[in-house]
C-alpha atoms as a PDB file:
ATOM      1  CA  MET A   1     -13.554 -58.686 -19.408  1.00  0.00           C
ATOM      2  CA  LYS A   2     -13.901 -62.443 -19.421  1.00  0.00           C
ATOM      3  CA  GLU A   3     -17.681 -62.178 -19.721  1.00  0.00           C
ATOM      4  CA  LEU A   4     -17.369 -59.842 -22.730  1.00  0.00           C
ATOM      5  CA  ILE A   5     -15.066 -62.297 -24.458  1.00  0.00           C
ATOM      6  CA  GLU A   6     -17.454 -65.141 -23.687  1.00  0.00           C
ATOM      7  CA  LYS A   7     -20.372 -63.135 -25.154  1.00  0.00           C
ATOM      8  CA  ALA A   8     -18.483 -62.146 -28.325  1.00  0.00           C
ATOM      9  CA  LYS A   9     -19.183 -64.036 -31.527  1.00  0.00           C
ATOM     10  CA  HIS A  10     -17.134 -67.259 -31.581  1.00  0.00           C
ATOM     11  CA  TYR A  11     -16.150 -69.433 -34.521  1.00  0.00           C
ATOM     12  CA  GLN A  12     -14.400 -72.752 -34.533  1.00  0.00           C
ATOM     13  CA  LEU A  13     -11.038 -72.732 -36.284  1.00  0.00           C
ATOM     14  CA  LYS A  14     -12.379 -74.861 -39.141  1.00  0.00           C
ATOM     15  CA  ASP A  15     -15.246 -72.411 -39.794  1.00  0.00           C
ATOM     16  CA  ALA A  16     -13.315 -69.107 -39.744  1.00  0.00           C
ATOM     17  CA  ARG A  17     -11.835 -67.595 -42.923  1.00  0.00           C
ATOM     18  CA  ASN A  18     -10.107 -64.419 -44.063  1.00  0.00           C
ATOM     19  CA  TYR A  19      -9.762 -62.501 -40.819  1.00  0.00           C
ATOM     20  CA  ILE A  20      -7.229 -60.029 -39.550  1.00  0.00           C
ATOM     21  CA  LEU A  21      -5.969 -61.677 -36.364  1.00  0.00           C
ATOM     22  CA  LEU A  22      -4.814 -59.406 -33.563  1.00  0.00           C
ATOM     23  CA  ASP A  23      -1.925 -60.409 -31.384  1.00  0.00           C
ATOM     24  CA  THR A  24      -2.353 -59.495 -27.720  1.00  0.00           C
ATOM     25  CA  CYS A  25       0.417 -56.910 -27.872  1.00  0.00           C
ATOM     26  CA  PHE A  26      -1.112 -55.242 -30.948  1.00  0.00           C
ATOM     27  CA  LEU A  27      -4.497 -54.966 -29.260  1.00  0.00           C
ATOM     28  CA  VAL A  28      -2.963 -53.447 -26.114  1.00  0.00           C
ATOM     29  CA  ASP A  29      -0.894 -50.997 -28.161  1.00  0.00           C
ATOM     30  CA  SER A  30      -3.998 -49.925 -30.099  1.00  0.00           C
ATOM     31  CA  LEU A  31      -5.989 -49.506 -26.891  1.00  0.00           C
ATOM     32  CA  ASN A  32      -3.207 -47.295 -25.541  1.00  0.00           C
ATOM     33  CA  HIS A  33      -3.238 -45.062 -28.637  1.00  0.00           C
ATOM     34  CA  HIS A  34      -6.743 -43.829 -29.324  1.00  0.00           C
ATOM     35  CA  GLU A  35      -5.974 -42.607 -32.871  1.00  0.00           C
ATOM     36  CA  ARG A  36      -4.679 -46.065 -33.849  1.00  0.00           C
ATOM     37  CA  LEU A  37      -7.696 -47.708 -32.297  1.00  0.00           C
ATOM     38  CA  ASP A  38     -10.073 -45.630 -34.418  1.00  0.00           C
ATOM     39  CA  LYS A  39      -8.254 -46.704 -37.597  1.00  0.00           C
ATOM     40  CA  LEU A  40      -8.168 -50.334 -36.484  1.00  0.00           C
ATOM     41  CA  LEU A  41     -11.890 -50.433 -35.823  1.00  0.00           C
ATOM     42  CA  LYS A  42     -12.601 -49.325 -39.392  1.00  0.00           C
ATOM     43  CA  LEU A  43     -11.225 -52.635 -40.651  1.00  0.00           C
ATOM     44  CA  LYS A  44     -13.624 -55.446 -41.422  1.00  0.00           C
ATOM     45  CA  LYS A  45     -13.279 -58.967 -40.064  1.00  0.00           C
ATOM     46  CA  LEU A  46     -11.164 -58.293 -36.977  1.00  0.00           C
ATOM     47  CA  ALA A  47     -10.604 -61.284 -34.756  1.00  0.00           C
ATOM     48  CA  MET A  48      -8.397 -62.751 -32.114  1.00  0.00           C
ATOM     49  CA  THR A  49      -7.837 -66.324 -31.144  1.00  0.00           C
ATOM     50  CA  SER A  50      -9.185 -67.679 -27.886  1.00  0.00           C
ATOM     51  CA  PHE A  51      -5.506 -68.197 -26.972  1.00  0.00           C
ATOM     52  CA  ASN A  52      -4.798 -64.456 -27.329  1.00  0.00           C
ATOM     53  CA  ALA A  53      -8.068 -63.591 -25.597  1.00  0.00           C
ATOM     54  CA  GLU A  54      -6.928 -65.649 -22.591  1.00  0.00           C
ATOM     55  CA  GLU A  55      -3.593 -63.815 -22.617  1.00  0.00           C
ATOM     56  CA  PHE A  56      -5.472 -60.514 -22.654  1.00  0.00           C
ATOM     57  CA  ILE A  57      -7.641 -61.547 -19.708  1.00  0.00           C
ATOM     58  CA  HIS A  58      -4.476 -62.432 -17.796  1.00  0.00           C
ATOM     59  CA  ILE A  59      -2.860 -58.986 -18.281  1.00  0.00           C
ATOM     60  CA  GLU A  60      -5.988 -56.839 -18.329  1.00  0.00           C
ATOM     61  CA  ARG A  61      -5.872 -56.058 -14.595  1.00  0.00           C
ATOM     62  CA  ARG A  62      -2.512 -54.337 -15.020  1.00  0.00           C
ATOM     63  CA  LEU A  63      -3.758 -51.964 -17.706  1.00  0.00           C
ATOM     64  CA  PRO A  64      -4.751 -48.368 -16.888  1.00  0.00           C
ATOM     65  CA  HIS A  65      -8.448 -47.738 -16.248  1.00  0.00           C
ATOM     66  CA  GLU A  66      -8.943 -45.779 -19.508  1.00  0.00           C
ATOM     67  CA  VAL A  67      -7.429 -48.611 -21.532  1.00  0.00           C
ATOM     68  CA  ARG A  68      -9.693 -51.171 -19.859  1.00  0.00           C
ATOM     69  CA  LYS A  69     -12.658 -48.886 -20.558  1.00  0.00           C
ATOM     70  CA  ARG A  70     -11.774 -48.784 -24.275  1.00  0.00           C
ATOM     71  CA  ALA A  71     -11.294 -52.551 -24.268  1.00  0.00           C
ATOM     72  CA  ARG A  72     -14.828 -53.028 -22.967  1.00  0.00           C
ATOM     73  CA  LYS A  73     -16.090 -51.177 -26.043  1.00  0.00           C
ATOM     74  CA  VAL A  74     -13.827 -52.987 -28.522  1.00  0.00           C
ATOM     75  CA  ILE A  75     -13.993 -56.629 -27.372  1.00  0.00           C
ATOM     76  CA  PRO A  76     -17.697 -57.197 -28.178  1.00  0.00           C
ATOM     77  CA  GLY A  77     -17.021 -56.253 -31.816  1.00  0.00           C
ATOM     78  CA  LEU A  78     -14.234 -58.793 -32.280  1.00  0.00           C
ATOM     79  CA  VAL A  79     -14.732 -62.331 -33.459  1.00  0.00           C
ATOM     80  CA  ILE A  80     -13.072 -64.925 -31.258  1.00  0.00           C
ATOM     81  CA  ILE A  81     -11.637 -67.888 -33.131  1.00  0.00           C
ATOM     82  CA  ASP A  82     -11.586 -70.830 -30.782  1.00  0.00           C
ATOM     83  CA  VAL A  83      -8.424 -72.903 -30.749  1.00  0.00           C
ATOM     84  CA  GLU A  84      -7.898 -76.050 -28.743  1.00  0.00           C
ATOM     85  CA  VAL A  85      -4.902 -74.825 -26.787  1.00  0.00           C
ATOM     86  CA  HIS A  86      -4.443 -72.485 -23.824  1.00  0.00           C
ATOM     87  CA  PRO A  87      -1.513 -70.297 -22.746  1.00  0.00           C
ATOM     88  CA  GLY A  88       1.007 -72.184 -20.634  1.00  0.00           C
ATOM     89  CA  GLU A  89       0.295 -75.588 -22.154  1.00  0.00           C
ATOM     90  CA  TRP A  90       3.656 -75.784 -23.930  1.00  0.00           C
ATOM     91  CA  LYS A  91       3.346 -79.356 -25.102  1.00  0.00           C
ATOM     92  CA  LYS A  92      -0.159 -78.802 -26.474  1.00  0.00           C
ATOM     93  CA  GLU A  93       0.956 -75.533 -28.092  1.00  0.00           C
ATOM     94  CA  LYS A  94       3.643 -77.422 -30.022  1.00  0.00           C
ATOM     95  CA  GLU A  95       1.223 -80.197 -30.973  1.00  0.00           C
ATOM     96  CA  PHE A  96      -1.325 -77.663 -32.200  1.00  0.00           C
ATOM     97  CA  VAL A  97       1.244 -75.811 -34.306  1.00  0.00           C
ATOM     98  CA  LYS A  98       2.656 -79.051 -35.774  1.00  0.00           C
ATOM     99  CA  SER A  99      -0.854 -80.243 -36.662  1.00  0.00           C
ATOM    100  CA  ILE A 100      -1.319 -77.195 -38.890  1.00  0.00           C
ATOM    101  CA  GLU A 101       2.179 -76.677 -40.320  1.00  0.00           C
ATOM    102  CA  PRO A 102       5.062 -78.902 -39.201  1.00  0.00           C
ATOM    103  CA  LYS A 103       7.709 -76.452 -40.507  1.00  0.00           C
ATOM    104  CA  LEU A 104       6.346 -73.541 -38.485  1.00  0.00           C
ATOM    105  CA  LEU A 105       8.249 -74.330 -35.284  1.00  0.00           C
ATOM    106  CA  GLN A 106      11.495 -74.150 -37.237  1.00  0.00           C
ATOM    107  CA  ALA A 107      10.584 -70.601 -38.257  1.00  0.00           C
ATOM    108  CA  ILE A 108       9.108 -69.607 -34.877  1.00  0.00           C
ATOM    109  CA  PRO A 109      10.753 -71.637 -32.097  1.00  0.00           C
ATOM    110  CA  ASP A 110       8.486 -70.212 -29.355  1.00  0.00           C
ATOM    111  CA  ALA A 111       5.316 -72.283 -29.669  1.00  0.00           C
ATOM    112  CA  SER A 112       3.194 -69.664 -27.885  1.00  0.00           C
ATOM    113  CA  ASP A 113       4.078 -67.144 -30.629  1.00  0.00           C
ATOM    114  CA  ALA A 114       3.554 -69.775 -33.313  1.00  0.00           C
ATOM    115  CA  VAL A 115      -0.031 -70.529 -32.194  1.00  0.00           C
ATOM    116  CA  LEU A 116      -1.286 -67.246 -33.676  1.00  0.00           C
ATOM    117  CA  VAL A 117       0.510 -67.782 -36.991  1.00  0.00           C
ATOM    118  CA  ALA A 118      -0.750 -71.387 -37.128  1.00  0.00           C
ATOM    119  CA  ALA A 119      -4.294 -70.112 -36.634  1.00  0.00           C
ATOM    120  CA  ALA A 120      -3.726 -67.569 -39.416  1.00  0.00           C
ATOM    121  CA  ILE A 121      -2.567 -70.353 -41.733  1.00  0.00           C
ATOM    122  CA  ALA A 122      -5.561 -72.523 -40.840  1.00  0.00           C
ATOM    123  CA  THR A 123      -8.040 -69.691 -41.407  1.00  0.00           C
ATOM    124  CA  GLN A 124      -6.324 -68.066 -44.406  1.00  0.00           C
ATOM    125  CA  SER A 125      -5.988 -64.889 -42.373  1.00  0.00           C
ATOM    126  CA  HIS A 126      -3.417 -62.149 -41.795  1.00  0.00           C
ATOM    127  CA  VAL A 127      -1.731 -61.160 -38.520  1.00  0.00           C
ATOM    128  CA  LEU A 128      -1.201 -57.807 -36.808  1.00  0.00           C
ATOM    129  CA  THR A 129       1.479 -57.986 -34.133  1.00  0.00           C
ATOM    130  CA  LYS A 130       3.900 -55.646 -32.405  1.00  0.00           C
ATOM    131  CA  ASP A 131       6.160 -58.687 -31.825  1.00  0.00           C
ATOM    132  CA  ARG A 132       6.997 -58.900 -35.513  1.00  0.00           C
ATOM    133  CA  HIS A 133      10.727 -58.978 -34.764  1.00  0.00           C
ATOM    134  CA  ASP A 134      10.158 -62.121 -32.695  1.00  0.00           C
ATOM    135  CA  ILE A 135       7.489 -63.745 -34.812  1.00  0.00           C
ATOM    136  CA  TYR A 136       8.497 -62.747 -38.300  1.00  0.00           C
ATOM    137  CA  GLN A 137      11.948 -63.999 -39.107  1.00  0.00           C
ATOM    138  CA  ALA A 138      13.493 -64.722 -42.492  1.00  0.00           C
ATOM    139  CA  ALA A 139      12.622 -68.412 -42.142  1.00  0.00           C
ATOM    140  CA  LEU A 140       8.944 -67.521 -41.873  1.00  0.00           C
ATOM    141  CA  GLU A 141       8.921 -65.175 -44.859  1.00  0.00           C
ATOM    142  CA  ASN A 142       8.798 -67.968 -47.456  1.00  0.00           C
ATOM    143  CA  LEU A 143       6.247 -69.905 -45.448  1.00  0.00           C
ATOM    144  CA  ALA A 144       4.026 -66.811 -45.256  1.00  0.00           C
ATOM    145  CA  LYS A 145       4.294 -66.338 -49.011  1.00  0.00           C
ATOM    146  CA  ASP A 146       3.352 -69.979 -49.579  1.00  0.00           C
ATOM    147  CA  TYR A 147       0.130 -69.389 -47.648  1.00  0.00           C
ATOM    148  CA  GLY A 148      -0.580 -65.895 -49.005  1.00  0.00           C
ATOM    149  CA  MET A 149      -0.412 -64.554 -45.476  1.00  0.00           C
ATOM    150  CA  LYS A 150       0.813 -61.212 -44.187  1.00  0.00           C
ATOM    151  CA  VAL A 151       2.351 -60.706 -40.762  1.00  0.00           C
ATOM    152  CA  CYS A 152       2.445 -56.947 -40.161  1.00  0.00           C
ATOM    153  CA  LYS A 153       3.633 -54.688 -37.403  1.00  0.00           C
ATOM    154  CA  GLU A 154       1.785 -51.589 -38.605  1.00  0.00           C
ATOM    155  CA  LEU A 155      -1.840 -51.145 -39.529  1.00  0.00           C
ATOM    156  CA  LYS A 156      -0.909 -49.354 -42.755  1.00  0.00           C
ATOM    157  CA  ASP A 157       0.858 -52.513 -43.974  1.00  0.00           C
ATOM    158  CA  ILE A 158      -2.270 -54.672 -43.816  1.00  0.00           C
ATOM    159  CA  ILE A 159      -4.620 -52.331 -45.653  1.00  0.00           C
END
């Protein structure tokens, strides 16, 4: 899987705009539900951050064979937006988030969750996540509105 992610089209954070960013959990959920995956793939400008791609590589071995097979077909079509932070680097995660939006860590205390939203802010993108209850709290709602960003749990909400 790592080689497919490396071969996918990559953009630097500063060069990417107007994507629909997939959280790791949303991608896995879509891969598990074929009908959702078909709908997802009809969307234009799908991407994931390099941070989320690394998370996916880490969990990929535990996924069922059929899910991994679908992932091998999906990953090459995604754009990878490179960010300068990696999972597990808590201090760098916080620094990255603060460099984009200092108020974000007040809304999302877990810096690893905030990395995706920070990338969405920086790229003027939207987010699809199944962790919306964790990521999207009342404190983030106003911030999202300020940036014209949507954080959605369901595909139908982003269309």
